[in-house]
Each structure stands twice: as structure tokens, then as C-alpha cells.
């Protein structure tokens, strides 16, 4: 299991609408809880980067085979450690153009 995309953005920037549209796509799985706040939770990252990623992936248990996994937590955009933490679990996540082919 791997995360394919993360929607991070500013308040009132359309992240809720984008998430709702993507949740309707049959090849995409986004957890029902819009903001997971995993990568901005300093309590989960005792050494700043590494954490129990099994806790994160539990949010995607309902995904079907071949679905792209993603989430939306706008605060990742301004939470400085979040980008490094995301890169540690998914170094190629920035390649959005490859998402749905």
C-alpha cells in the first residue's frame, strides 16, 4: 500500500470541492474523514521524520484493488515538517500528472 496524492492548500482555496469531486471517481479512494492531520501531528513523529505508518494506512482500509490513495489536509501546506514527513513515506508523490494516466 502506498499513498498516491495529498491535497494541501489554503483555507477557502477549494480543497473541499476538489476532495468531493475526487471521492466520486471510481479509481480514487479518499477517506471519509477529510483532514487526517497525520503528518502535522508532532506526537506521532518522535524523531521528526519516522512514525508508525500503519496507523496512517488504516485510513485507507476500504480501498479497492488498483485505486489511487489520497487524502486532504490543507494545513500540511504551512506545517514545515509535514513535507519532509510526506517525502519519507512517498518520495514520488509530487508527480500528479501520472495519477490517473
Protein backbone atom coordinates (compact mmCIF):
# COMPACT_ATOMS: atom_id res chain seq x y z
CA UNK A 1 0.00 0.00 0.00
CA UNK A 2 1.28 3.48 -0.83
CA UNK A 3 -0.14 6.96 -0.83
CA UNK A 4 -0.52 8.44 -4.32
CA UNK A 5 -1.51 12.04 -3.62
CA UNK A 6 -2.18 14.58 -0.90
CA UNK A 7 -4.27 17.70 -1.26
CA UNK A 8 -2.73 20.50 0.78
CA UNK A 9 -3.87 24.08 0.40
CA UNK A 10 -5.11 27.23 1.96
CA UNK A 11 -8.44 27.80 3.65
CA UNK A 12 -11.15 28.76 1.18
CA UNK A 13 -8.91 27.53 -1.63
CA UNK A 14 -11.23 24.82 -2.99
CA UNK A 15 -9.76 21.80 -1.19
CA UNK A 16 -13.18 20.62 0.00
CA UNK A 17 -14.65 20.80 -3.51
CA UNK A 18 -11.63 19.06 -5.05
CA UNK A 19 -11.83 16.31 -2.42
CA UNK A 20 -15.56 15.81 -3.07
CA UNK A 21 -15.01 15.54 -6.83
CA UNK A 22 -12.19 13.04 -6.43
CA UNK A 23 -14.22 10.93 -3.98
CA UNK A 24 -16.73 10.38 -6.81
CA UNK A 25 -14.07 8.98 -9.13
CA UNK A 26 -14.08 5.15 -9.20
CA UNK A 27 -10.27 4.93 -9.43
CA UNK A 28 -9.70 7.09 -6.34
CA UNK A 29 -10.03 6.32 -2.64
CA UNK A 30 -10.07 9.19 -0.14
CA UNK A 31 -11.00 8.50 3.50
CA UNK A 32 -14.38 9.82 4.63
CA UNK A 33 -12.63 11.94 7.26
CA UNK A 34 -11.47 14.92 5.18
CA UNK A 35 -8.50 16.01 7.28
CA UNK A 36 -6.38 13.21 8.73
CA UNK A 37 -3.79 15.54 10.32
CA UNK A 38 -1.26 12.73 10.35
CA UNK A 39 1.83 14.48 9.02
CA UNK A 40 1.24 17.59 11.14
CA UNK A 41 0.87 15.62 14.38
CA UNK A 42 4.21 16.01 16.14
CA UNK A 43 3.23 13.42 18.76
CA UNK A 44 3.39 10.68 16.10
CA UNK A 45 6.91 11.64 14.99
CA UNK A 46 9.29 11.27 17.93
CA UNK A 47 12.40 11.70 15.75
CA UNK A 48 10.79 14.31 13.48
CA UNK A 49 10.51 12.08 10.36
CA UNK A 50 9.73 8.43 11.19
CA UNK A 51 6.41 7.32 12.61
CA UNK A 52 4.15 4.25 12.80
CA UNK A 53 2.84 4.47 9.23
CA UNK A 54 0.50 1.53 9.84
CA UNK A 55 -1.70 4.00 11.74
CA UNK A 56 -1.82 6.20 8.66
CA UNK A 57 -2.68 3.40 6.25
CA UNK A 58 -5.58 2.22 8.42
CA UNK A 59 -7.45 5.20 6.99
CA UNK A 60 -7.38 3.53 3.56
CA UNK A 61 -8.66 0.07 4.50
CA UNK A 62 -11.77 0.43 2.35
CA UNK A 63 -9.79 0.97 -0.86
CA UNK A 64 -10.45 -1.33 -3.77
CA UNK A 65 -7.78 -3.01 -5.89
CA UNK A 66 -5.93 -0.56 -8.11
CA UNK A 67 -7.49 2.56 -6.61
CA UNK A 68 -5.25 5.59 -6.13
CA UNK A 69 -4.98 6.55 -2.46
CA UNK A 70 -5.08 10.14 -1.32
CA UNK A 71 -6.13 12.49 1.41
CA UNK A 72 -6.80 16.17 2.03
CA UNK A 73 -5.31 18.04 4.95
CA UNK A 74 -4.84 21.71 3.99
CA UNK A 75 -2.61 22.51 6.97
CA UNK A 76 0.20 20.40 5.50
CA UNK A 77 0.89 23.35 3.23
CA UNK A 78 2.20 25.52 6.05
CA UNK A 79 3.32 22.92 8.64
CA UNK A 80 7.05 22.87 7.90
CA UNK A 81 7.86 19.29 9.00
CA UNK A 82 4.90 17.87 7.02
CA UNK A 83 6.62 18.00 3.62
CA UNK A 84 9.70 16.13 4.86
CA UNK A 85 7.49 13.54 6.56
CA UNK A 86 5.41 13.05 3.43
CA UNK A 87 8.57 12.69 1.33
CA UNK A 88 9.83 9.97 3.71
CA UNK A 89 6.77 7.80 3.06
CA UNK A 90 6.16 8.74 -0.62
CA UNK A 91 9.16 10.36 -2.34
CA UNK A 92 7.45 10.44 -5.76
CA UNK A 93 4.15 11.90 -4.57
CA UNK A 94 4.68 15.17 -6.45
CA UNK A 95 4.17 13.55 -9.83
CA UNK A 96 0.47 14.42 -10.09
CA UNK A 97 0.35 14.12 -13.88
CA UNK A 98 0.85 10.36 -13.58
CA UNK A 99 -2.01 9.91 -11.13
CA UNK A 100 -4.80 8.66 -13.37
CA UNK A 101 -2.81 8.22 -16.60
